[in-house]
Amino acid sequence: QVQLVESGGGLVQAGDPLRLSCAAFGRTFSRYGLGWFRQAPGKEREFVPAISTFGITYYADSVKGRFTISRDNAKSTVYLQMNSLKPEDTAVFSCAARLPPISAAMDMSSRQFPYWGQGTQVTVSS
């Protein structure tokens, strides 16, 4: 089992960058596939990006070219670098983990990830 703790959220202006971090506590971090999800008020939780144990990345179309997911296994941390933020990016961002491999063929939905952090609020003002 793994525990996840996000940090780095806050209030920024449109166009600004922001980097989120998610520290993992537990064994064998390198074996987990990792993802970031977000949930805006009144909306369903949605997939943002994911990264496999091999470092292969997958992105939602809405963030391609603006967001970058990365992982540092030595620090047991996954990052989400967000550039050119828009007001519609405002949401609670949560990181998630799973042991089965992440692949392009899988459904990148929240139900595929059993382990979750508590979330961090990102607010983008116009």
N, C-alpha and C. Protein backbone atom coordinates (compact mmCIF):
# COMPACT_ATOMS: atom_id res chain seq x y z
N GLN A 1 0.84 -1.18 0.00
CA GLN A 1 0.00 0.00 0.00
C GLN A 1 0.88 1.24 0.00
N VAL A 2 0.36 2.33 -0.56
CA VAL A 2 1.13 3.55 -0.66
C VAL A 2 0.25 4.72 -0.21
N GLN A 3 0.84 5.66 0.49
CA GLN A 3 0.14 6.89 0.88
C GLN A 3 0.68 8.04 0.05
N LEU A 4 -0.21 8.90 -0.38
CA LEU A 4 0.14 9.99 -1.29
C LEU A 4 -0.22 11.33 -0.67
N VAL A 5 0.70 12.28 -0.77
CA VAL A 5 0.46 13.61 -0.22
C VAL A 5 0.84 14.67 -1.26
N GLU A 6 -0.16 15.43 -1.70
CA GLU A 6 0.08 16.47 -2.71
C GLU A 6 0.47 17.79 -2.06
N SER A 7 1.16 18.60 -2.83
CA SER A 7 1.50 19.96 -2.41
C SER A 7 1.71 20.81 -3.65
N GLY A 8 1.73 22.13 -3.43
CA GLY A 8 2.04 23.03 -4.53
C GLY A 8 0.88 23.78 -5.12
N GLY A 9 -0.32 23.48 -4.67
CA GLY A 9 -1.47 24.20 -5.20
C GLY A 9 -1.48 25.65 -4.73
N GLY A 10 -2.37 26.44 -5.32
CA GLY A 10 -2.48 27.83 -4.91
C GLY A 10 -3.28 28.64 -5.90
N LEU A 11 -3.22 29.96 -5.71
CA LEU A 11 -3.92 30.90 -6.57
C LEU A 11 -2.92 31.56 -7.51
N VAL A 12 -3.18 31.44 -8.81
CA VAL A 12 -2.31 32.04 -9.81
C VAL A 12 -3.16 32.78 -10.83
N GLN A 13 -2.50 33.57 -11.66
CA GLN A 13 -3.20 34.27 -12.73
C GLN A 13 -3.13 33.47 -14.03
N ALA A 14 -4.06 33.72 -14.89
CA ALA A 14 -4.07 33.06 -16.19
C ALA A 14 -2.74 33.30 -16.89
N GLY A 15 -2.19 32.23 -17.47
CA GLY A 15 -0.91 32.31 -18.15
C GLY A 15 0.28 31.95 -17.28
N ASP A 16 0.09 31.94 -15.98
CA ASP A 16 1.18 31.60 -15.06
C ASP A 16 1.45 30.10 -15.05
N PRO A 17 2.65 29.71 -14.62
CA PRO A 17 2.95 28.30 -14.40
C PRO A 17 2.75 27.93 -12.93
N LEU A 18 2.67 26.62 -12.70
CA LEU A 18 2.56 26.10 -11.34
C LEU A 18 3.02 24.66 -11.37
N ARG A 19 3.73 24.24 -10.35
CA ARG A 19 4.16 22.85 -10.29
C ARG A 19 3.59 22.20 -9.04
N LEU A 20 2.92 21.09 -9.24
CA LEU A 20 2.40 20.28 -8.15
C LEU A 20 3.36 19.12 -7.89
N SER A 21 3.43 18.74 -6.63
CA SER A 21 4.22 17.58 -6.24
C SER A 21 3.33 16.60 -5.49
N CYS A 22 3.68 15.35 -5.59
CA CYS A 22 2.95 14.31 -4.85
C CYS A 22 4.00 13.35 -4.30
N ALA A 23 4.16 13.40 -2.99
CA ALA A 23 5.12 12.52 -2.32
C ALA A 23 4.44 11.22 -1.91
N ALA A 24 5.12 10.13 -2.14
CA ALA A 24 4.57 8.82 -1.80
C ALA A 24 5.31 8.23 -0.61
N PHE A 25 4.54 7.61 0.26
CA PHE A 25 5.11 6.98 1.44
C PHE A 25 4.69 5.51 1.41
N GLY A 26 5.67 4.66 1.35
CA GLY A 26 5.39 3.24 1.26
C GLY A 26 6.55 2.57 0.54
N ARG A 27 6.34 1.34 0.25
CA ARG A 27 7.42 0.58 -0.36
C ARG A 27 7.32 0.57 -1.87
N THR A 28 8.44 0.40 -2.49
CA THR A 28 8.53 0.15 -3.94
C THR A 28 7.75 1.17 -4.78
N PHE A 29 8.01 2.44 -4.56
CA PHE A 29 7.36 3.50 -5.34
C PHE A 29 7.54 3.26 -6.83
N SER A 30 8.70 2.78 -7.23
CA SER A 30 9.02 2.63 -8.65
C SER A 30 8.10 1.62 -9.35
N ARG A 31 7.41 0.80 -8.60
CA ARG A 31 6.53 -0.20 -9.20
C ARG A 31 5.13 0.33 -9.52
N TYR A 32 4.84 1.54 -9.06
CA TYR A 32 3.50 2.09 -9.23
C TYR A 32 3.38 2.95 -10.48
N GLY A 33 2.29 2.74 -11.20
CA GLY A 33 1.90 3.70 -12.20
C GLY A 33 1.20 4.85 -11.49
N LEU A 34 1.37 6.06 -12.01
CA LEU A 34 0.90 7.25 -11.31
C LEU A 34 0.08 8.13 -12.24
N GLY A 35 -0.89 8.80 -11.66
CA GLY A 35 -1.70 9.70 -12.46
C GLY A 35 -2.10 10.93 -11.67
N TRP A 36 -2.51 11.94 -12.39
CA TRP A 36 -3.11 13.13 -11.81
C TRP A 36 -4.53 13.26 -12.36
N PHE A 37 -5.43 13.59 -11.46
CA PHE A 37 -6.82 13.84 -11.82
C PHE A 37 -7.23 15.18 -11.25
N ARG A 38 -8.29 15.74 -11.78
CA ARG A 38 -8.79 16.99 -11.23
C ARG A 38 -10.31 16.97 -11.20
N GLN A 39 -10.85 17.75 -10.27
CA GLN A 39 -12.29 17.84 -10.17
C GLN A 39 -12.66 19.29 -9.90
N ALA A 40 -13.38 19.86 -10.84
CA ALA A 40 -13.88 21.23 -10.70
C ALA A 40 -15.24 21.19 -10.01
N PRO A 41 -15.64 22.29 -9.39
CA PRO A 41 -16.94 22.32 -8.70
C PRO A 41 -18.08 21.94 -9.63
N GLY A 42 -18.89 21.01 -9.19
CA GLY A 42 -20.06 20.59 -9.97
C GLY A 42 -19.76 19.69 -11.15
N LYS A 43 -18.49 19.26 -11.27
CA LYS A 43 -18.12 18.42 -12.41
C LYS A 43 -17.56 17.09 -11.92
N GLU A 44 -17.52 16.14 -12.85
CA GLU A 44 -16.95 14.83 -12.55
C GLU A 44 -15.42 14.95 -12.46
N ARG A 45 -14.83 14.04 -11.70
CA ARG A 45 -13.37 13.95 -11.67
C ARG A 45 -12.88 13.53 -13.05
N GLU A 46 -11.84 14.18 -13.54
CA GLU A 46 -11.35 13.84 -14.87
C GLU A 46 -9.85 13.58 -14.86
N PHE A 47 -9.46 12.71 -15.77
CA PHE A 47 -8.06 12.35 -15.95
C PHE A 47 -7.29 13.52 -16.53
N VAL A 48 -6.06 13.73 -16.06
CA VAL A 48 -5.20 14.79 -16.59
C VAL A 48 -4.02 14.16 -17.31
N PRO A 49 -2.95 13.62 -16.60
CA PRO A 49 -1.93 12.83 -17.24
C PRO A 49 -1.63 11.60 -16.37
N ALA A 50 -0.90 10.68 -16.94
CA ALA A 50 -0.41 9.52 -16.20
C ALA A 50 0.99 9.18 -16.68
N ILE A 51 1.71 8.47 -15.83
CA ILE A 51 3.07 8.05 -16.19
C ILE A 51 3.26 6.62 -15.73
N SER A 52 3.82 5.80 -16.60
CA SER A 52 4.02 4.39 -16.28
C SER A 52 5.32 4.22 -15.49
N THR A 53 5.55 2.97 -15.07
CA THR A 53 6.78 2.67 -14.35
C THR A 53 8.00 2.86 -15.25
N PHE A 54 7.79 2.82 -16.56
CA PHE A 54 8.89 3.01 -17.50
C PHE A 54 9.06 4.46 -17.92
N GLY A 55 8.19 5.33 -17.37
CA GLY A 55 8.29 6.74 -17.72
C GLY A 55 7.52 7.13 -18.96
N ILE A 56 6.71 6.23 -19.47
CA ILE A 56 5.87 6.56 -20.63
C ILE A 56 4.70 7.41 -20.13
N THR A 57 4.42 8.47 -20.85
CA THR A 57 3.40 9.42 -20.38
C THR A 57 2.17 9.44 -21.28
N TYR A 58 1.06 9.79 -20.69
CA TYR A 58 -0.23 9.87 -21.38
C TYR A 58 -0.92 11.14 -20.88
N TYR A 59 -1.56 11.86 -21.81
CA TYR A 59 -2.17 13.13 -21.45
C TYR A 59 -3.59 13.23 -21.98
N ALA A 60 -4.41 13.92 -21.19
CA ALA A 60 -5.72 14.30 -21.71
C ALA A 60 -5.53 15.36 -22.78
N ASP A 61 -6.37 15.36 -23.78
CA ASP A 61 -6.24 16.31 -24.89
C ASP A 61 -6.27 17.76 -24.39
N SER A 62 -7.00 18.01 -23.34
CA SER A 62 -7.17 19.38 -22.86
C SER A 62 -5.90 19.99 -22.28
N VAL A 63 -4.92 19.14 -21.97
CA VAL A 63 -3.70 19.66 -21.34
C VAL A 63 -2.45 19.37 -22.15
N LYS A 64 -2.58 18.68 -23.25
CA LYS A 64 -1.40 18.36 -24.07
C LYS A 64 -0.69 19.64 -24.50
N GLY A 65 0.62 19.63 -24.35
CA GLY A 65 1.40 20.80 -24.73
C GLY A 65 1.51 21.84 -23.64
N ARG A 66 0.69 21.73 -22.60
CA ARG A 66 0.75 22.70 -21.49
C ARG A 66 1.22 22.05 -20.19
N PHE A 67 0.83 20.82 -19.95
CA PHE A 67 1.16 20.12 -18.72
C PHE A 67 2.20 19.04 -18.99
N THR A 68 3.06 18.79 -17.99
CA THR A 68 4.06 17.73 -18.09
C THR A 68 4.09 16.96 -16.78
N ILE A 69 3.92 15.65 -16.89
CA ILE A 69 4.04 14.79 -15.72
C ILE A 69 5.44 14.17 -15.73
N SER A 70 6.01 14.03 -14.54
CA SER A 70 7.32 13.39 -14.43
C SER A 70 7.39 12.70 -13.06
N ARG A 71 8.35 11.83 -12.93
CA ARG A 71 8.52 11.12 -11.67
C ARG A 71 9.99 11.04 -11.30
N ASP A 72 10.25 11.06 -10.02
CA ASP A 72 11.60 10.88 -9.50
C ASP A 72 11.52 9.72 -8.51
N ASN A 73 11.92 8.56 -8.95
CA ASN A 73 11.80 7.37 -8.10
C ASN A 73 12.69 7.46 -6.87
N ALA A 74 13.83 8.13 -7.00
CA ALA A 74 14.74 8.26 -5.85
C ALA A 74 14.11 9.09 -4.74
N LYS A 75 13.21 10.01 -5.12
CA LYS A 75 12.53 10.86 -4.14
C LYS A 75 11.10 10.40 -3.88
N SER A 76 10.71 9.34 -4.54
CA SER A 76 9.33 8.83 -4.39
C SER A 76 8.31 9.94 -4.60
N THR A 77 8.51 10.67 -5.66
CA THR A 77 7.66 11.84 -5.93
C THR A 77 7.28 11.89 -7.40
N VAL A 78 6.05 12.28 -7.64
CA VAL A 78 5.57 12.54 -8.99
C VAL A 78 5.21 14.02 -9.07
N TYR A 79 5.51 14.62 -10.21
CA TYR A 79 5.30 16.05 -10.39
C TYR A 79 4.31 16.31 -11.53
N LEU A 80 3.68 17.46 -11.43
CA LEU A 80 2.85 17.93 -12.54
C LEU A 80 3.22 19.39 -12.78
N GLN A 81 3.95 19.62 -13.86
CA GLN A 81 4.30 20.98 -14.25
C GLN A 81 3.18 21.50 -15.15
N MET A 82 2.58 22.60 -14.74
CA MET A 82 1.47 23.17 -15.50
C MET A 82 1.87 24.55 -15.99
N ASN A 83 1.84 24.73 -17.28
CA ASN A 83 2.17 26.01 -17.90
C ASN A 83 0.93 26.58 -18.59
N SER A 84 0.99 27.89 -18.85
CA SER A 84 -0.11 28.56 -19.56
C SER A 84 -1.46 28.21 -18.95
N LEU A 85 -1.55 28.35 -17.66
CA LEU A 85 -2.79 27.99 -16.98
C LEU A 85 -3.95 28.86 -17.41
N LYS A 86 -5.12 28.26 -17.43
CA LYS A 86 -6.34 28.92 -17.84
C LYS A 86 -7.35 28.88 -16.68
N PRO A 87 -8.28 29.80 -16.65
CA PRO A 87 -9.30 29.75 -15.59
C PRO A 87 -10.04 28.42 -15.54
N GLU A 88 -10.22 27.78 -16.69
CA GLU A 88 -10.91 26.49 -16.71
C GLU A 88 -10.09 25.36 -16.14
N ASP A 89 -8.83 25.62 -15.81
CA ASP A 89 -8.01 24.61 -15.12
C ASP A 89 -8.28 24.60 -13.62
N THR A 90 -9.04 25.56 -13.13
CA THR A 90 -9.34 25.63 -11.71
C THR A 90 -10.03 24.35 -11.24
N ALA A 91 -9.45 23.71 -10.23
CA ALA A 91 -9.97 22.43 -9.75
C ALA A 91 -9.16 21.97 -8.55
N VAL A 92 -9.65 20.94 -7.90
CA VAL A 92 -8.84 20.21 -6.92
C VAL A 92 -8.09 19.13 -7.70
N PHE A 93 -6.78 19.16 -7.60
CA PHE A 93 -5.93 18.19 -8.28
C PHE A 93 -5.49 17.12 -7.28
N SER A 94 -5.64 15.87 -7.69
CA SER A 94 -5.27 14.75 -6.84
C SER A 94 -4.35 13.81 -7.60
N CYS A 95 -3.37 13.27 -6.91
CA CYS A 95 -2.55 12.24 -7.54
C CYS A 95 -3.08 10.87 -7.13
N ALA A 96 -2.79 9.89 -7.95
CA ALA A 96 -3.30 8.55 -7.75
C ALA A 96 -2.26 7.53 -8.19
N ALA A 97 -2.36 6.33 -7.65
CA ALA A 97 -1.38 5.29 -7.97
C ALA A 97 -2.07 3.94 -8.16
N ARG A 98 -1.43 3.11 -8.96
CA ARG A 98 -1.90 1.75 -9.16
C ARG A 98 -0.71 0.85 -9.40
N LEU A 99 -0.85 -0.42 -9.02
CA LEU A 99 0.23 -1.37 -9.24
C LEU A 99 0.18 -2.02 -10.61
N PRO A 100 -0.98 -2.41 -11.14
CA PRO A 100 -0.98 -2.95 -12.50
C PRO A 100 -0.42 -1.94 -13.47
N PRO A 101 0.27 -2.40 -14.51
CA PRO A 101 0.92 -1.47 -15.44
C PRO A 101 -0.07 -0.53 -16.12
N ILE A 102 0.40 0.68 -16.36
CA ILE A 102 -0.37 1.65 -17.15
C ILE A 102 0.02 1.45 -18.60
N SER A 103 -0.97 1.43 -19.47
CA SER A 103 -0.69 1.28 -20.89
C SER A 103 -1.66 2.12 -21.68
N ALA A 104 -1.35 2.33 -22.93
CA ALA A 104 -2.21 3.12 -23.79
C ALA A 104 -3.57 2.47 -23.97
N ALA A 105 -3.65 1.17 -23.78
CA ALA A 105 -4.90 0.46 -24.01
C ALA A 105 -5.88 0.57 -22.86
N MET A 106 -5.43 1.02 -21.72
CA MET A 106 -6.33 1.03 -20.57
C MET A 106 -7.20 2.28 -20.55
N ASP A 107 -8.31 2.14 -19.85
CA ASP A 107 -9.22 3.25 -19.63
C ASP A 107 -8.67 4.12 -18.52
N MET A 108 -8.29 5.35 -18.83
CA MET A 108 -7.68 6.23 -17.84
C MET A 108 -8.76 6.88 -16.98
N SER A 109 -9.49 6.07 -16.26
CA SER A 109 -10.52 6.60 -15.39
C SER A 109 -10.10 6.43 -13.95
N SER A 110 -10.72 7.21 -13.08
CA SER A 110 -10.33 7.20 -11.67
C SER A 110 -10.50 5.83 -11.03
N ARG A 111 -11.44 5.05 -11.53
CA ARG A 111 -11.68 3.74 -10.90
C ARG A 111 -10.52 2.77 -11.14
N GLN A 112 -9.62 3.10 -12.04
CA GLN A 112 -8.46 2.25 -12.31
C GLN A 112 -7.36 2.45 -11.28
N PHE A 113 -7.49 3.47 -10.44
CA PHE A 113 -6.44 3.81 -9.48
C PHE A 113 -6.98 3.64 -8.06
N PRO A 114 -6.47 2.70 -7.29
CA PRO A 114 -6.99 2.47 -5.95
C PRO A 114 -6.43 3.37 -4.86
N TYR A 115 -5.30 4.00 -5.12
CA TYR A 115 -4.66 4.81 -4.07
C TYR A 115 -4.70 6.28 -4.45
N TRP A 116 -5.09 7.11 -3.47
CA TRP A 116 -5.32 8.54 -3.74
C TRP A 116 -4.76 9.43 -2.66
N GLY A 117 -4.31 10.61 -3.07
CA GLY A 117 -3.98 11.64 -2.12
C GLY A 117 -5.21 12.44 -1.75
N GLN A 118 -5.03 13.43 -0.89
CA GLN A 118 -6.16 14.20 -0.39
C GLN A 118 -6.54 15.35 -1.33
N GLY A 119 -5.65 15.68 -2.25
CA GLY A 119 -5.94 16.74 -3.21
C GLY A 119 -5.37 18.08 -2.80
N THR A 120 -5.12 18.91 -3.81
CA THR A 120 -4.64 20.27 -3.57
C THR A 120 -5.38 21.21 -4.52
N GLN A 121 -5.81 22.35 -4.01
CA GLN A 121 -6.61 23.28 -4.79
C GLN A 121 -5.74 24.12 -5.69
N VAL A 122 -6.14 24.20 -6.95
CA VAL A 122 -5.52 25.11 -7.91
C VAL A 122 -6.60 26.06 -8.41
N THR A 123 -6.36 27.34 -8.23
CA THR A 123 -7.30 28.35 -8.68
C THR A 123 -6.60 29.30 -9.63
N VAL A 124 -7.16 29.44 -10.83
CA VAL A 124 -6.57 30.31 -11.85
C VAL A 124 -7.52 31.47 -12.09
N SER A 125 -7.04 32.67 -11.80
CA SER A 125 -7.88 33.85 -11.99
C SER A 125 -7.65 34.43 -13.38
N SER A 126 -8.69 35.05 -13.92
CA SER A 126 -8.59 35.62 -15.27
C SER A 126 -8.08 37.05 -15.23
